[in-house]
Amino acid sequence: MKNLTITVDDDVLEWARIEAARRGTSVSRMVGDFMAEMQRRQDTYERAYLAWRTDERSWNAGGGDGVDGDTPPTVRKSTLQRSSAKGGAE
């Protein structure tokens, strides 16, 4: 393990000491746990993103509904007419 020196405002350090005591741990352990959790979240996100990017089904479905990211959804003309009529009346 390596040591790390950080600079924080006095009120932040006071809060961290109280919070660490409440949790039954040290400020150092709390900061280390926080950083480890952030690393796990980032790794999980990157793995999920990579899996999504390499999933051929999401790129080749071609349904035209906009869900697959391949083709934009179809907008009905009547929906557009109602929206513009409603917008003009307000």
PDB file of N, CA and C in Angstrom:
ATOM      1  N   MET A   1       0.840  -1.185   0.000  1.00  0.00           N
ATOM      2  CA  MET A   1       0.000   0.000   0.000  1.00  0.00           C
ATOM      3  C   MET A   1       0.881   1.244   0.000  1.00  0.00           C
ATOM      4  N   LYS A   2       0.355   2.278  -0.650  1.00  0.00           N
ATOM      5  CA  LYS A   2       1.059   3.555  -0.732  1.00  0.00           C
ATOM      6  C   LYS A   2       0.313   4.599   0.082  1.00  0.00           C
ATOM      7  N   ASN A   3       1.050   5.591   0.527  1.00  0.00           N
ATOM      8  CA  ASN A   3       0.448   6.723   1.235  1.00  0.00           C
ATOM      9  C   ASN A   3       0.067   7.793   0.232  1.00  0.00           C
ATOM     10  N   LEU A   4      -0.939   8.579   0.601  1.00  0.00           N
ATOM     11  CA  LEU A   4      -1.421   9.657  -0.244  1.00  0.00           C
ATOM     12  C   LEU A   4      -1.678  10.869   0.637  1.00  0.00           C
ATOM     13  N   THR A   5      -1.212  12.021   0.191  1.00  0.00           N
ATOM     14  CA  THR A   5      -1.470  13.264   0.920  1.00  0.00           C
ATOM     15  C   THR A   5      -2.472  14.067   0.109  1.00  0.00           C
ATOM     16  N   ILE A   6      -3.557  14.507   0.769  1.00  0.00           N
ATOM     17  CA  ILE A   6      -4.562  15.318   0.092  1.00  0.00           C
ATOM     18  C   ILE A   6      -4.783  16.607   0.860  1.00  0.00           C
ATOM     19  N   THR A   7      -5.322  17.582   0.180  1.00  0.00           N
ATOM     20  CA  THR A   7      -5.647  18.864   0.798  1.00  0.00           C
ATOM     21  C   THR A   7      -7.151  19.066   0.697  1.00  0.00           C
ATOM     22  N   VAL A   8      -7.799  19.320   1.828  1.00  0.00           N
ATOM     23  CA  VAL A   8      -9.239  19.565   1.859  1.00  0.00           C
ATOM     24  C   VAL A   8      -9.526  20.748   2.778  1.00  0.00           C
ATOM     25  N   ASP A   9     -10.688  21.340   2.601  1.00  0.00           N
ATOM     26  CA  ASP A   9     -11.104  22.426   3.487  1.00  0.00           C
ATOM     27  C   ASP A   9     -11.295  21.893   4.905  1.00  0.00           C
ATOM     28  N   ASP A  10     -11.131  22.766   5.883  1.00  0.00           N
ATOM     29  CA  ASP A  10     -11.266  22.372   7.286  1.00  0.00           C
ATOM     30  C   ASP A  10     -12.633  21.767   7.588  1.00  0.00           C
ATOM     31  N   ASP A  11     -13.696  22.372   7.037  1.00  0.00           N
ATOM     32  CA  ASP A  11     -15.028  21.855   7.320  1.00  0.00           C
ATOM     33  C   ASP A  11     -15.256  20.475   6.692  1.00  0.00           C
ATOM     34  N   VAL A  12     -14.621  20.222   5.563  1.00  0.00           N
ATOM     35  CA  VAL A  12     -14.720  18.903   4.926  1.00  0.00           C
ATOM     36  C   VAL A  12     -13.993  17.866   5.778  1.00  0.00           C
ATOM     37  N   LEU A  13     -12.830  18.207   6.266  1.00  0.00           N
ATOM     38  CA  LEU A  13     -12.078  17.286   7.115  1.00  0.00           C
ATOM     39  C   LEU A  13     -12.834  17.003   8.416  1.00  0.00           C
ATOM     40  N   GLU A  14     -13.451  18.031   8.982  1.00  0.00           N
ATOM     41  CA  GLU A  14     -14.237  17.826  10.204  1.00  0.00           C
ATOM     42  C   GLU A  14     -15.395  16.859   9.937  1.00  0.00           C
ATOM     43  N   TRP A  15     -16.101  17.073   8.826  1.00  0.00           N
ATOM     44  CA  TRP A  15     -17.181  16.171   8.467  1.00  0.00           C
ATOM     45  C   TRP A  15     -16.659  14.747   8.276  1.00  0.00           C
ATOM     46  N   ALA A  16     -15.517  14.602   7.567  1.00  0.00           N
ATOM     47  CA  ALA A  16     -14.951  13.278   7.292  1.00  0.00           C
ATOM     48  C   ALA A  16     -14.569  12.556   8.584  1.00  0.00           C
ATOM     49  N   ARG A  17     -14.022  13.279   9.539  1.00  0.00           N
ATOM     50  CA  ARG A  17     -13.666  12.659  10.825  1.00  0.00           C
ATOM     51  C   ARG A  17     -14.906  12.170  11.570  1.00  0.00           C
ATOM     52  N   ILE A  18     -15.943  12.984  11.587  1.00  0.00           N
ATOM     53  CA  ILE A  18     -17.185  12.606  12.258  1.00  0.00           C
ATOM     54  C   ILE A  18     -17.820  11.414  11.546  1.00  0.00           C
ATOM     55  N   GLU A  19     -17.864  11.467  10.217  1.00  0.00           N
ATOM     56  CA  GLU A  19     -18.458  10.379   9.431  1.00  0.00           C
ATOM     57  C   GLU A  19     -17.669   9.080   9.604  1.00  0.00           C
ATOM     58  N   ALA A  20     -16.364   9.167   9.613  1.00  0.00           N
ATOM     59  CA  ALA A  20     -15.536   7.970   9.812  1.00  0.00           C
ATOM     60  C   ALA A  20     -15.782   7.366  11.192  1.00  0.00           C
ATOM     61  N   ALA A  21     -15.879   8.208  12.201  1.00  0.00           N
ATOM     62  CA  ALA A  21     -16.155   7.719  13.557  1.00  0.00           C
ATOM     63  C   ALA A  21     -17.532   7.068  13.618  1.00  0.00           C
ATOM     64  N   ARG A  22     -18.498   7.681  12.963  1.00  0.00           N
ATOM     65  CA  ARG A  22     -19.843   7.125  12.925  1.00  0.00           C
ATOM     66  C   ARG A  22     -19.852   5.740  12.280  1.00  0.00           C
ATOM     67  N   ARG A  23     -19.012   5.560  11.267  1.00  0.00           N
ATOM     68  CA  ARG A  23     -18.934   4.286  10.558  1.00  0.00           C
ATOM     69  C   ARG A  23     -17.974   3.296  11.218  1.00  0.00           C
ATOM     70  N   GLY A  24     -17.259   3.760  12.233  1.00  0.00           N
ATOM     71  CA  GLY A  24     -16.307   2.891  12.911  1.00  0.00           C
ATOM     72  C   GLY A  24     -15.064   2.597  12.084  1.00  0.00           C
ATOM     73  N   THR A  25     -14.599   3.582  11.356  1.00  0.00           N
ATOM     74  CA  THR A  25     -13.420   3.419  10.508  1.00  0.00           C
ATOM     75  C   THR A  25     -12.579   4.687  10.587  1.00  0.00           C
ATOM     76  N   SER A  26     -11.536   4.757   9.793  1.00  0.00           N
ATOM     77  CA  SER A  26     -10.693   5.956   9.762  1.00  0.00           C
ATOM     78  C   SER A  26     -10.977   6.755   8.498  1.00  0.00           C
ATOM     79  N   VAL A  27     -10.575   8.016   8.509  1.00  0.00           N
ATOM     80  CA  VAL A  27     -10.717   8.858   7.320  1.00  0.00           C
ATOM     81  C   VAL A  27      -9.912   8.243   6.180  1.00  0.00           C
ATOM     82  N   SER A  28      -8.729   7.765   6.486  1.00  0.00           N
ATOM     83  CA  SER A  28      -7.888   7.148   5.467  1.00  0.00           C
ATOM     84  C   SER A  28      -8.581   5.951   4.823  1.00  0.00           C
ATOM     85  N   ARG A  29      -9.158   5.079   5.629  1.00  0.00           N
ATOM     86  CA  ARG A  29      -9.854   3.898   5.105  1.00  0.00           C
ATOM     87  C   ARG A  29     -11.082   4.312   4.302  1.00  0.00           C
ATOM     88  N   MET A  30     -11.795   5.319   4.792  1.00  0.00           N
ATOM     89  CA  MET A  30     -12.991   5.789   4.110  1.00  0.00           C
ATOM     90  C   MET A  30     -12.636   6.346   2.724  1.00  0.00           C
ATOM     91  N   VAL A  31     -11.586   7.131   2.635  1.00  0.00           N
ATOM     92  CA  VAL A  31     -11.154   7.685   1.347  1.00  0.00           C
ATOM     93  C   VAL A  31     -10.684   6.556   0.426  1.00  0.00           C
ATOM     94  N   GLY A  32      -9.929   5.614   0.963  1.00  0.00           N
ATOM     95  CA  GLY A  32      -9.470   4.479   0.164  1.00  0.00           C
ATOM     96  C   GLY A  32     -10.624   3.651  -0.364  1.00  0.00           C
ATOM     97  N   ASP A  33     -11.626   3.398   0.484  1.00  0.00           N
ATOM     98  CA  ASP A  33     -12.805   2.645   0.064  1.00  0.00           C
ATOM     99  C   ASP A  33     -13.583   3.390  -1.022  1.00  0.00           C
ATOM    100  N   PHE A  34     -13.675   4.706  -0.849  1.00  0.00           N
ATOM    101  CA  PHE A  34     -14.363   5.534  -1.845  1.00  0.00           C
ATOM    102  C   PHE A  34     -13.670   5.432  -3.198  1.00  0.00           C
ATOM    103  N   MET A  35     -12.355   5.536  -3.198  1.00  0.00           N
ATOM    104  CA  MET A  35     -11.603   5.473  -4.451  1.00  0.00           C
ATOM    105  C   MET A  35     -11.725   4.085  -5.093  1.00  0.00           C
ATOM    106  N   ALA A  36     -11.678   3.032  -4.283  1.00  0.00           N
ATOM    107  CA  ALA A  36     -11.817   1.674  -4.807  1.00  0.00           C
ATOM    108  C   ALA A  36     -13.200   1.469  -5.426  1.00  0.00           C
ATOM    109  N   GLU A  37     -14.236   2.008  -4.782  1.00  0.00           N
ATOM    110  CA  GLU A  37     -15.593   1.904  -5.318  1.00  0.00           C
ATOM    111  C   GLU A  37     -15.722   2.651  -6.639  1.00  0.00           C
ATOM    112  N   MET A  38     -15.117   3.822  -6.736  1.00  0.00           N
ATOM    113  CA  MET A  38     -15.147   4.575  -7.985  1.00  0.00           C
ATOM    114  C   MET A  38     -14.437   3.792  -9.093  1.00  0.00           C
ATOM    115  N   GLN A  39     -13.342   3.146  -8.771  1.00  0.00           N
ATOM    116  CA  GLN A  39     -12.630   2.329  -9.749  1.00  0.00           C
ATOM    117  C   GLN A  39     -13.505   1.167 -10.223  1.00  0.00           C
ATOM    118  N   ARG A  40     -14.179   0.489  -9.297  1.00  0.00           N
ATOM    119  CA  ARG A  40     -15.062  -0.626  -9.665  1.00  0.00           C
ATOM    120  C   ARG A  40     -16.198  -0.147 -10.568  1.00  0.00           C
ATOM    121  N   ARG A  41     -16.775   0.984 -10.238  1.00  0.00           N
ATOM    122  CA  ARG A  41     -17.865   1.505 -11.060  1.00  0.00           C
ATOM    123  C   ARG A  41     -17.381   1.842 -12.466  1.00  0.00           C
ATOM    124  N   GLN A  42     -16.235   2.468 -12.559  1.00  0.00           N
ATOM    125  CA  GLN A  42     -15.678   2.828 -13.866  1.00  0.00           C
ATOM    126  C   GLN A  42     -15.382   1.576 -14.682  1.00  0.00           C
ATOM    127  N   ASP A  43     -14.792   0.571 -14.054  1.00  0.00           N
ATOM    128  CA  ASP A  43     -14.483  -0.679 -14.751  1.00  0.00           C
ATOM    129  C   ASP A  43     -15.766  -1.360 -15.222  1.00  0.00           C
ATOM    130  N   THR A  44     -16.784  -1.378 -14.388  1.00  0.00           N
ATOM    131  CA  THR A  44     -18.058  -1.995 -14.746  1.00  0.00           C
ATOM    132  C   THR A  44     -18.693  -1.258 -15.916  1.00  0.00           C
ATOM    133  N   TYR A  45     -18.661   0.070 -15.877  1.00  0.00           N
ATOM    134  CA  TYR A  45     -19.218   0.869 -16.965  1.00  0.00           C
ATOM    135  C   TYR A  45     -18.475   0.590 -18.264  1.00  0.00           C
ATOM    136  N   GLU A  46     -17.152   0.587 -18.226  1.00  0.00           N
ATOM    137  CA  GLU A  46     -16.370   0.365 -19.438  1.00  0.00           C
ATOM    138  C   GLU A  46     -16.624  -1.019 -20.021  1.00  0.00           C
ATOM    139  N   ARG A  47     -16.749  -2.035 -19.155  1.00  0.00           N
ATOM    140  CA  ARG A  47     -17.042  -3.378 -19.653  1.00  0.00           C
ATOM    141  C   ARG A  47     -18.424  -3.428 -20.301  1.00  0.00           C
ATOM    142  N   ALA A  48     -19.413  -2.806 -19.686  1.00  0.00           N
ATOM    143  CA  ALA A  48     -20.765  -2.793 -20.242  1.00  0.00           C
ATOM    144  C   ALA A  48     -20.798  -2.033 -21.564  1.00  0.00           C
ATOM    145  N   TYR A  49     -20.105  -0.911 -21.633  1.00  0.00           N
ATOM    146  CA  TYR A  49     -20.064  -0.126 -22.864  1.00  0.00           C
ATOM    147  C   TYR A  49     -19.401  -0.915 -23.981  1.00  0.00           C
ATOM    148  N   LEU A  50     -18.306  -1.571 -23.684  1.00  0.00           N
ATOM    149  CA  LEU A  50     -17.611  -2.369 -24.684  1.00  0.00           C
ATOM    150  C   LEU A  50     -18.493  -3.519 -25.160  1.00  0.00           C
ATOM    151  N   ALA A  51     -19.194  -4.172 -24.248  1.00  0.00           N
ATOM    152  CA  ALA A  51     -20.100  -5.260 -24.624  1.00  0.00           C
ATOM    153  C   ALA A  51     -21.199  -4.729 -25.537  1.00  0.00           C
ATOM    154  N   TRP A  52     -21.730  -3.560 -25.224  1.00  0.00           N
ATOM    155  CA  TRP A  52     -22.775  -2.964 -26.056  1.00  0.00           C
ATOM    156  C   TRP A  52     -22.240  -2.626 -27.439  1.00  0.00           C
ATOM    157  N   ARG A  53     -21.045  -2.025 -27.490  1.00  0.00           N
ATOM    158  CA  ARG A  53     -20.457  -1.629 -28.770  1.00  0.00           C
ATOM    159  C   ARG A  53     -20.138  -2.818 -29.662  1.00  0.00           C
ATOM    160  N   THR A  54     -19.813  -3.951 -29.075  1.00  0.00           N
ATOM    161  CA  THR A  54     -19.430  -5.118 -29.866  1.00  0.00           C
ATOM    162  C   THR A  54     -20.590  -6.078 -30.096  1.00  0.00           C
ATOM    163  N   ASP A  55     -21.781  -5.765 -29.610  1.00  0.00           N
ATOM    164  CA  ASP A  55     -22.940  -6.622 -29.798  1.00  0.00           C
ATOM    165  C   ASP A  55     -23.528  -6.357 -31.182  1.00  0.00           C
ATOM    166  N   GLU A  56     -23.316  -7.279 -32.101  1.00  0.00           N
ATOM    167  CA  GLU A  56     -23.766  -7.117 -33.480  1.00  0.00           C
ATOM    168  C   GLU A  56     -25.276  -6.943 -33.590  1.00  0.00           C
ATOM    169  N   ARG A  57     -26.040  -7.562 -32.686  1.00  0.00           N
ATOM    170  CA  ARG A  57     -27.493  -7.464 -32.774  1.00  0.00           C
ATOM    171  C   ARG A  57     -27.958  -6.024 -32.666  1.00  0.00           C
ATOM    172  N   SER A  58     -27.302  -5.217 -31.863  1.00  0.00           N
ATOM    173  CA  SER A  58     -27.763  -3.843 -31.684  1.00  0.00           C
ATOM    174  C   SER A  58     -27.526  -2.990 -32.922  1.00  0.00           C
ATOM    175  N   TRP A  59     -26.621  -3.396 -33.805  1.00  0.00           N
ATOM    176  CA  TRP A  59     -26.318  -2.608 -34.995  1.00  0.00           C
ATOM    177  C   TRP A  59     -27.028  -3.134 -36.240  1.00  0.00           C
ATOM    178  N   ASN A  60     -27.446  -4.393 -36.250  1.00  0.00           N
ATOM    179  CA  ASN A  60     -27.968  -4.981 -37.478  1.00  0.00           C
ATOM    180  C   ASN A  60     -29.448  -5.295 -37.445  1.00  0.00           C
ATOM    181  N   ALA A  61     -30.174  -4.911 -36.417  1.00  0.00           N
ATOM    182  CA  ALA A  61     -31.579  -5.263 -36.333  1.00  0.00           C
ATOM    183  C   ALA A  61     -32.380  -4.575 -37.435  1.00  0.00           C
ATOM    184  N   GLY A  62     -32.134  -3.280 -37.682  1.00  0.00           N
ATOM    185  CA  GLY A  62     -32.744  -2.563 -38.798  1.00  0.00           C
ATOM    186  C   GLY A  62     -34.257  -2.477 -38.755  1.00  0.00           C
ATOM    187  N   GLY A  63     -34.859  -2.446 -37.579  1.00  0.00           N
ATOM    188  CA  GLY A  63     -36.309  -2.416 -37.461  1.00  0.00           C
ATOM    189  C   GLY A  63     -36.930  -1.066 -37.765  1.00  0.00           C
ATOM    190  N   GLY A  64     -36.159  -0.010 -37.786  1.00  0.00           N
ATOM    191  CA  GLY A  64     -36.692   1.307 -38.073  1.00  0.00           C
ATOM    192  C   GLY A  64     -37.414   1.945 -36.910  1.00  0.00           C
ATOM    193  N   ASP A  65     -37.302   1.359 -35.721  1.00  0.00           N
ATOM    194  CA  ASP A  65     -38.007   1.918 -34.569  1.00  0.00           C
ATOM    195  C   ASP A  65     -37.111   2.815 -33.729  1.00  0.00           C
ATOM    196  N   GLY A  66     -35.862   2.947 -34.097  1.00  0.00           N
ATOM    197  CA  GLY A  66     -34.937   3.800 -33.366  1.00  0.00           C
ATOM    198  C   GLY A  66     -34.358   3.160 -32.130  1.00  0.00           C
ATOM    199  N   VAL A  67     -34.841   1.985 -31.758  1.00  0.00           N
ATOM    200  CA  VAL A  67     -34.355   1.321 -30.552  1.00  0.00           C
ATOM    201  C   VAL A  67     -32.975   0.741 -30.779  1.00  0.00           C
ATOM    202  N   ASP A  68     -32.709   0.246 -31.979  1.00  0.00           N
ATOM    203  CA  ASP A  68     -31.442  -0.404 -32.253  1.00  0.00           C
ATOM    204  C   ASP A  68     -30.323   0.586 -32.553  1.00  0.00           C
ATOM    205  N   GLY A  69     -30.629   1.857 -32.683  1.00  0.00           N
ATOM    206  CA  GLY A  69     -29.607   2.852 -32.966  1.00  0.00           C
ATOM    207  C   GLY A  69     -29.254   2.902 -34.439  1.00  0.00           C
ATOM    208  N   ASP A  70     -29.916   2.091 -35.272  1.00  0.00           N
ATOM    209  CA  ASP A  70     -29.582   1.982 -36.681  1.00  0.00           C
ATOM    210  C   ASP A  70     -30.397   2.948 -37.530  1.00  0.00           C
ATOM    211  N   THR A  71     -31.696   3.044 -37.243  1.00  0.00           N
ATOM    212  CA  THR A  71     -32.605   3.837 -38.040  1.00  0.00           C
ATOM    213  C   THR A  71     -33.450   4.699 -37.115  1.00  0.00           C
ATOM    214  N   PRO A  72     -33.645   5.967 -37.438  1.00  0.00           N
ATOM    215  CA  PRO A  72     -34.460   6.813 -36.564  1.00  0.00           C
ATOM    216  C   PRO A  72     -35.910   6.360 -36.565  1.00  0.00           C
ATOM    217  N   PRO A  73     -36.645   6.631 -35.485  1.00  0.00           N
ATOM    218  CA  PRO A  73     -38.052   6.233 -35.419  1.00  0.00           C
ATOM    219  C   PRO A  73     -38.888   7.003 -36.435  1.00  0.00           C
ATOM    220  N   THR A  74     -39.973   6.405 -36.875  1.00  0.00           N
ATOM    221  CA  THR A  74     -40.881   7.038 -37.816  1.00  0.00           C
ATOM    222  C   THR A  74     -41.849   7.926 -37.039  1.00  0.00           C
ATOM    223  N   VAL A  75     -42.056   9.152 -37.527  1.00  0.00           N
ATOM    224  CA  VAL A  75     -42.991  10.079 -36.898  1.00  0.00           C
ATOM    225  C   VAL A  75     -44.202  10.205 -37.813  1.00  0.00           C
ATOM    226  N   ARG A  76     -45.377   9.987 -37.273  1.00  0.00           N
ATOM    227  CA  ARG A  76     -46.604  10.080 -38.062  1.00  0.00           C
ATOM    228  C   ARG A  76     -46.937  11.537 -38.343  1.00  0.00           C
ATOM    229  N   LYS A  77     -47.432  11.794 -39.540  1.00  0.00           N
ATOM    230  CA  LYS A  77     -47.789  13.145 -39.950  1.00  0.00           C
ATOM    231  C   LYS A  77     -48.889  13.723 -39.071  1.00  0.00           C
ATOM    232  N   SER A  78     -49.879  12.899 -38.699  1.00  0.00           N
ATOM    233  CA  SER A  78     -50.989  13.397 -37.890  1.00  0.00           C
ATOM    234  C   SER A  78     -50.500  13.860 -36.519  1.00  0.00           C
ATOM    235  N   THR A  79     -49.487  13.204 -35.985  1.00  0.00           N
ATOM    236  CA  THR A  79     -48.928  13.605 -34.701  1.00  0.00           C
ATOM    237  C   THR A  79     -48.294  14.989 -34.812  1.00  0.00           C
ATOM    238  N   LEU A  80     -47.587  15.209 -35.928  1.00  0.00           N
ATOM    239  CA  LEU A  80     -46.960  16.515 -36.137  1.00  0.00           C
ATOM    240  C   LEU A  80     -48.010  17.607 -36.307  1.00  0.00           C
ATOM    241  N   GLN A  81     -49.094  17.310 -37.036  1.00  0.00           N
ATOM    242  CA  GLN A  81     -50.138  18.314 -37.254  1.00  0.00           C
ATOM    243  C   GLN A  81     -50.816  18.691 -35.947  1.00  0.00           C
ATOM    244  N   ARG A  82     -51.116  17.679 -35.105  1.00  0.00           N
ATOM    245  CA  ARG A  82     -51.742  17.970 -33.816  1.00  0.00           C
ATOM    246  C   ARG A  82     -50.809  18.784 -32.929  1.00  0.00           C
ATOM    247  N   SER A  83     -49.531  18.458 -32.950  1.00  0.00           N
ATOM    248  CA  SER A  83     -48.584  19.175 -32.104  1.00  0.00           C
ATOM    249  C   SER A  83     -48.476  20.622 -32.519  1.00  0.00           C
ATOM    250  N   SER A  84     -48.414  20.887 -33.841  1.00  0.00           N
ATOM    251  CA  SER A  84     -48.275  22.268 -34.255  1.00  0.00           C
ATOM    252  C   SER A  84     -49.566  23.047 -34.055  1.00  0.00           C
ATOM    253  N   ALA A  85     -50.699  22.391 -34.187  1.00  0.00           N
ATOM    254  CA  ALA A  85     -51.969  23.072 -33.931  1.00  0.00           C
ATOM    255  C   ALA A  85     -52.091  23.418 -32.459  1.00  0.00           C
ATOM    256  N   LYS A  86     -51.665  22.511 -31.598  1.00  0.00           N
ATOM    257  CA  LYS A  86     -51.726  22.746 -30.175  1.00  0.00           C
ATOM    258  C   LYS A  86     -50.784  23.879 -29.788  1.00  0.00           C
ATOM    259  N   GLY A  87     -49.589  23.886 -30.399  1.00  0.00           N
ATOM    260  CA  GLY A  87     -48.610  24.914 -30.087  1.00  0.00           C
ATOM    261  C   GLY A  87     -49.076  26.298 -30.507  1.00  0.00           C
ATOM    262  N   GLY A  88     -49.819  26.368 -31.641  1.00  0.00           N
ATOM    263  CA  GLY A  88     -50.290  27.657 -32.115  1.00  0.00           C
ATOM    264  C   GLY A  88     -51.416  28.211 -31.291  1.00  0.00           C
ATOM    265  N   ALA A  89     -52.168  27.337 -30.624  1.00  0.00           N
ATOM    266  CA  ALA A  89     -53.330  27.788 -29.862  1.00  0.00           C
ATOM    267  C   ALA A  89     -52.952  28.371 -28.506  1.00  0.00           C
ATOM    268  N   GLU A  90     -51.776  28.071 -28.031  1.00  0.00           N
ATOM    269  CA  GLU A  90     -51.392  28.535 -26.684  1.00  0.00           C
ATOM    270  C   GLU A  90     -50.852  29.909 -26.673  1.00  0.00           C
TER     271      GLU A  90
END
